[in-house]
N, C-alpha and C. Protein backbone atom coordinates (compact mmCIF):
# COMPACT_ATOMS: atom_id res chain seq x y z
N MET A 1 -13.81 31.20 21.13
CA MET A 1 -12.39 31.50 21.00
C MET A 1 -11.79 31.67 22.38
N ALA A 2 -10.49 31.44 22.46
CA ALA A 2 -9.79 31.52 23.74
C ALA A 2 -9.70 32.96 24.23
N ASN A 3 -9.69 33.12 25.54
CA ASN A 3 -9.61 34.45 26.13
C ASN A 3 -8.30 34.69 26.85
N HIS A 4 -7.73 33.66 27.45
CA HIS A 4 -6.48 33.83 28.19
C HIS A 4 -5.29 33.88 27.25
N LYS A 5 -4.25 34.55 27.70
CA LYS A 5 -3.07 34.73 26.87
C LYS A 5 -2.45 33.38 26.49
N SER A 6 -2.38 32.47 27.46
CA SER A 6 -1.79 31.16 27.19
C SER A 6 -2.67 30.34 26.24
N ALA A 7 -3.98 30.49 26.36
CA ALA A 7 -4.88 29.76 25.48
C ALA A 7 -4.82 30.30 24.05
N LEU A 8 -4.63 31.61 23.91
CA LEU A 8 -4.46 32.20 22.59
C LEU A 8 -3.18 31.68 21.93
N LYS A 9 -2.13 31.60 22.73
CA LYS A 9 -0.86 31.08 22.21
C LYS A 9 -1.03 29.62 21.79
N ARG A 10 -1.71 28.84 22.62
CA ARG A 10 -1.94 27.43 22.30
C ARG A 10 -2.74 27.29 21.01
N ALA A 11 -3.70 28.16 20.79
CA ALA A 11 -4.49 28.12 19.56
C ALA A 11 -3.62 28.43 18.34
N ARG A 12 -2.72 29.40 18.48
CA ARG A 12 -1.81 29.72 17.38
C ARG A 12 -0.89 28.54 17.09
N GLN A 13 -0.36 27.93 18.14
CA GLN A 13 0.54 26.79 17.95
C GLN A 13 -0.19 25.62 17.29
N SER A 14 -1.42 25.38 17.72
CA SER A 14 -2.19 24.28 17.15
C SER A 14 -2.44 24.49 15.67
N GLU A 15 -2.76 25.71 15.29
CA GLU A 15 -3.02 26.01 13.89
C GLU A 15 -1.75 25.81 13.05
N THR A 16 -0.61 26.28 13.58
CA THR A 16 0.66 26.11 12.87
C THR A 16 0.98 24.64 12.68
N ARG A 17 0.80 23.86 13.73
CA ARG A 17 1.09 22.42 13.66
C ARG A 17 0.13 21.72 12.71
N ARG A 18 -1.14 22.14 12.73
CA ARG A 18 -2.13 21.52 11.84
C ARG A 18 -1.73 21.72 10.38
N LEU A 19 -1.31 22.93 10.04
CA LEU A 19 -0.91 23.22 8.67
C LEU A 19 0.36 22.45 8.29
N ARG A 20 1.30 22.36 9.22
CA ARG A 20 2.53 21.62 8.95
C ARG A 20 2.25 20.14 8.75
N ASN A 21 1.36 19.57 9.60
CA ASN A 21 1.01 18.17 9.47
C ASN A 21 0.30 17.90 8.15
N ARG A 22 -0.59 18.81 7.77
CA ARG A 22 -1.32 18.65 6.52
C ARG A 22 -0.37 18.67 5.33
N MET A 23 0.62 19.56 5.37
CA MET A 23 1.60 19.63 4.30
C MET A 23 2.40 18.33 4.21
N ASN A 24 2.83 17.82 5.36
CA ASN A 24 3.61 16.59 5.37
C ASN A 24 2.77 15.40 4.90
N LYS A 25 1.51 15.33 5.32
CA LYS A 25 0.65 14.23 4.89
C LYS A 25 0.41 14.27 3.39
N THR A 26 0.21 15.46 2.85
CA THR A 26 0.01 15.60 1.41
C THR A 26 1.26 15.16 0.66
N ARG A 27 2.41 15.56 1.15
CA ARG A 27 3.67 15.18 0.52
C ARG A 27 3.83 13.66 0.52
N VAL A 28 3.49 13.02 1.64
CA VAL A 28 3.59 11.56 1.74
C VAL A 28 2.62 10.89 0.78
N LYS A 29 1.37 11.37 0.75
CA LYS A 29 0.37 10.76 -0.12
C LYS A 29 0.79 10.83 -1.58
N ASN A 30 1.29 11.99 -2.00
CA ASN A 30 1.71 12.14 -3.40
C ASN A 30 2.91 11.25 -3.71
N ALA A 31 3.86 11.15 -2.79
CA ALA A 31 5.04 10.33 -3.01
C ALA A 31 4.68 8.85 -3.09
N VAL A 32 3.80 8.41 -2.20
CA VAL A 32 3.39 6.99 -2.20
C VAL A 32 2.60 6.67 -3.47
N LYS A 33 1.74 7.59 -3.88
CA LYS A 33 0.95 7.38 -5.08
C LYS A 33 1.84 7.26 -6.31
N SER A 34 2.83 8.15 -6.42
CA SER A 34 3.73 8.08 -7.57
C SER A 34 4.59 6.82 -7.52
N ALA A 35 4.95 6.36 -6.32
CA ALA A 35 5.73 5.13 -6.20
C ALA A 35 4.90 3.92 -6.64
N ARG A 36 3.63 3.89 -6.26
CA ARG A 36 2.76 2.79 -6.68
C ARG A 36 2.57 2.79 -8.20
N ASP A 37 2.46 3.97 -8.77
CA ASP A 37 2.30 4.07 -10.22
C ASP A 37 3.57 3.64 -10.95
N ALA A 38 4.73 3.88 -10.35
CA ALA A 38 6.01 3.57 -10.99
C ALA A 38 6.39 2.11 -10.87
N VAL A 39 5.70 1.36 -10.04
CA VAL A 39 6.07 -0.04 -9.81
C VAL A 39 6.09 -0.84 -11.10
N GLY A 40 5.14 -0.64 -11.97
CA GLY A 40 5.09 -1.41 -13.20
C GLY A 40 6.05 -0.95 -14.27
N GLY A 41 6.65 0.21 -14.10
CA GLY A 41 7.51 0.79 -15.14
C GLY A 41 8.95 0.31 -15.07
N GLU A 42 9.85 1.14 -15.58
CA GLU A 42 11.27 0.82 -15.62
C GLU A 42 11.84 0.70 -14.21
N ALA A 43 12.72 -0.27 -14.01
CA ALA A 43 13.22 -0.60 -12.67
C ALA A 43 14.03 0.55 -12.07
N GLY A 44 14.90 1.18 -12.86
CA GLY A 44 15.75 2.24 -12.32
C GLY A 44 14.96 3.45 -11.88
N ALA A 45 14.01 3.85 -12.71
CA ALA A 45 13.17 5.00 -12.37
C ALA A 45 12.28 4.68 -11.17
N ALA A 46 11.77 3.45 -11.13
CA ALA A 46 10.90 3.04 -10.02
C ALA A 46 11.67 3.04 -8.71
N ALA A 47 12.92 2.61 -8.75
CA ALA A 47 13.73 2.59 -7.53
C ALA A 47 13.97 4.00 -7.01
N GLU A 48 14.17 4.94 -7.92
CA GLU A 48 14.38 6.33 -7.51
C GLU A 48 13.11 6.92 -6.88
N VAL A 49 11.97 6.62 -7.49
CA VAL A 49 10.70 7.12 -6.95
C VAL A 49 10.42 6.48 -5.60
N LEU A 50 10.75 5.19 -5.44
CA LEU A 50 10.57 4.52 -4.16
C LEU A 50 11.46 5.15 -3.09
N ARG A 51 12.67 5.50 -3.47
CA ARG A 51 13.59 6.14 -2.52
C ARG A 51 13.04 7.48 -2.04
N LYS A 52 12.44 8.24 -2.94
CA LYS A 52 11.85 9.52 -2.55
C LYS A 52 10.64 9.33 -1.65
N ALA A 53 9.85 8.31 -1.93
CA ALA A 53 8.68 8.02 -1.09
C ALA A 53 9.13 7.59 0.31
N MET A 54 10.18 6.77 0.37
CA MET A 54 10.70 6.34 1.67
C MET A 54 11.22 7.54 2.46
N SER A 55 11.88 8.44 1.77
CA SER A 55 12.39 9.64 2.42
C SER A 55 11.26 10.48 3.00
N ALA A 56 10.20 10.64 2.23
CA ALA A 56 9.05 11.42 2.70
C ALA A 56 8.39 10.75 3.91
N LEU A 57 8.30 9.42 3.87
CA LEU A 57 7.71 8.70 5.00
C LEU A 57 8.57 8.80 6.25
N PHE A 58 9.88 8.64 6.10
CA PHE A 58 10.78 8.78 7.24
C PHE A 58 10.69 10.19 7.84
N ARG A 59 10.63 11.18 6.96
CA ARG A 59 10.58 12.57 7.42
C ARG A 59 9.28 12.84 8.19
N ALA A 60 8.19 12.33 7.68
CA ALA A 60 6.90 12.53 8.35
C ALA A 60 6.90 11.85 9.72
N ALA A 61 7.54 10.69 9.82
CA ALA A 61 7.62 9.99 11.10
C ALA A 61 8.51 10.75 12.08
N SER A 62 9.61 11.29 11.59
CA SER A 62 10.52 12.00 12.49
C SER A 62 9.91 13.31 12.98
N LYS A 63 9.03 13.91 12.18
CA LYS A 63 8.38 15.15 12.59
C LYS A 63 7.17 14.90 13.49
N GLY A 64 6.74 13.64 13.59
CA GLY A 64 5.61 13.32 14.44
C GLY A 64 4.27 13.38 13.71
N THR A 65 4.30 13.59 12.40
CA THR A 65 3.07 13.62 11.64
C THR A 65 2.46 12.22 11.55
N LEU A 66 3.32 11.25 11.28
CA LEU A 66 2.92 9.84 11.25
C LEU A 66 3.62 9.12 12.39
N HIS A 67 3.00 8.05 12.86
CA HIS A 67 3.66 7.20 13.85
C HIS A 67 4.77 6.44 13.15
N ARG A 68 5.84 6.17 13.86
CA ARG A 68 7.00 5.53 13.23
C ARG A 68 6.67 4.14 12.71
N ARG A 69 5.78 3.42 13.38
CA ARG A 69 5.41 2.09 12.91
C ARG A 69 4.53 2.17 11.67
N ASN A 70 3.68 3.19 11.61
CA ASN A 70 2.86 3.42 10.43
C ASN A 70 3.76 3.68 9.23
N SER A 71 4.77 4.50 9.42
CA SER A 71 5.71 4.81 8.36
C SER A 71 6.47 3.55 7.93
N ALA A 72 6.94 2.78 8.90
CA ALA A 72 7.69 1.56 8.60
C ALA A 72 6.82 0.55 7.85
N ARG A 73 5.56 0.44 8.24
CA ARG A 73 4.65 -0.49 7.58
C ARG A 73 4.43 -0.09 6.12
N ARG A 74 4.23 1.19 5.88
CA ARG A 74 4.02 1.65 4.51
C ARG A 74 5.26 1.43 3.65
N ILE A 75 6.43 1.66 4.22
CA ILE A 75 7.68 1.44 3.49
C ILE A 75 7.84 -0.03 3.15
N ALA A 76 7.53 -0.90 4.11
CA ALA A 76 7.64 -2.34 3.88
C ALA A 76 6.70 -2.79 2.77
N ARG A 77 5.49 -2.27 2.76
CA ARG A 77 4.52 -2.65 1.73
C ARG A 77 4.97 -2.18 0.35
N LEU A 78 5.47 -0.95 0.29
CA LEU A 78 5.96 -0.45 -1.00
C LEU A 78 7.15 -1.27 -1.50
N SER A 79 8.04 -1.62 -0.59
CA SER A 79 9.21 -2.41 -0.97
C SER A 79 8.80 -3.79 -1.47
N ARG A 80 7.80 -4.39 -0.79
CA ARG A 80 7.30 -5.69 -1.22
C ARG A 80 6.70 -5.61 -2.62
N GLN A 81 5.93 -4.57 -2.88
CA GLN A 81 5.35 -4.40 -4.21
C GLN A 81 6.42 -4.24 -5.27
N MET A 82 7.47 -3.48 -4.93
CA MET A 82 8.57 -3.26 -5.88
C MET A 82 9.30 -4.56 -6.17
N ASP A 83 9.56 -5.36 -5.13
CA ASP A 83 10.24 -6.63 -5.32
C ASP A 83 9.41 -7.60 -6.14
N ALA A 84 8.10 -7.64 -5.87
CA ALA A 84 7.22 -8.52 -6.63
C ALA A 84 7.19 -8.13 -8.11
N ALA A 85 7.20 -6.83 -8.38
CA ALA A 85 7.20 -6.36 -9.76
C ALA A 85 8.52 -6.72 -10.47
N ARG A 86 9.62 -6.63 -9.73
CA ARG A 86 10.93 -6.98 -10.31
C ARG A 86 10.99 -8.47 -10.65
N LYS A 87 10.49 -9.29 -9.75
CA LYS A 87 10.52 -10.74 -9.97
C LYS A 87 9.61 -11.14 -11.12
N ALA A 88 8.49 -10.45 -11.26
CA ALA A 88 7.55 -10.75 -12.33
C ALA A 88 8.12 -10.35 -13.70
N ALA A 89 8.95 -9.32 -13.71
CA ALA A 89 9.50 -8.81 -14.98
C ALA A 89 10.68 -9.60 -15.47
């Protein structure tokens, strides 16, 4: 464990950030999972779930939990799946 005052503070900050990142990652995973599940269902409900997933991804990128390109790539893939499902229906 850290002994210096600044190192103790850094340890506290790291723990706080770790918990915040974990919360954001969990939120993103759940939103993406529900969006993938909704792709085959009703178009209006699926669009709403996709919008929430996109919001969670954008938020995680803005907070620094995810890289912005990682977030953009996931959004693009979800959008492509949604469009393919709409065309198939």
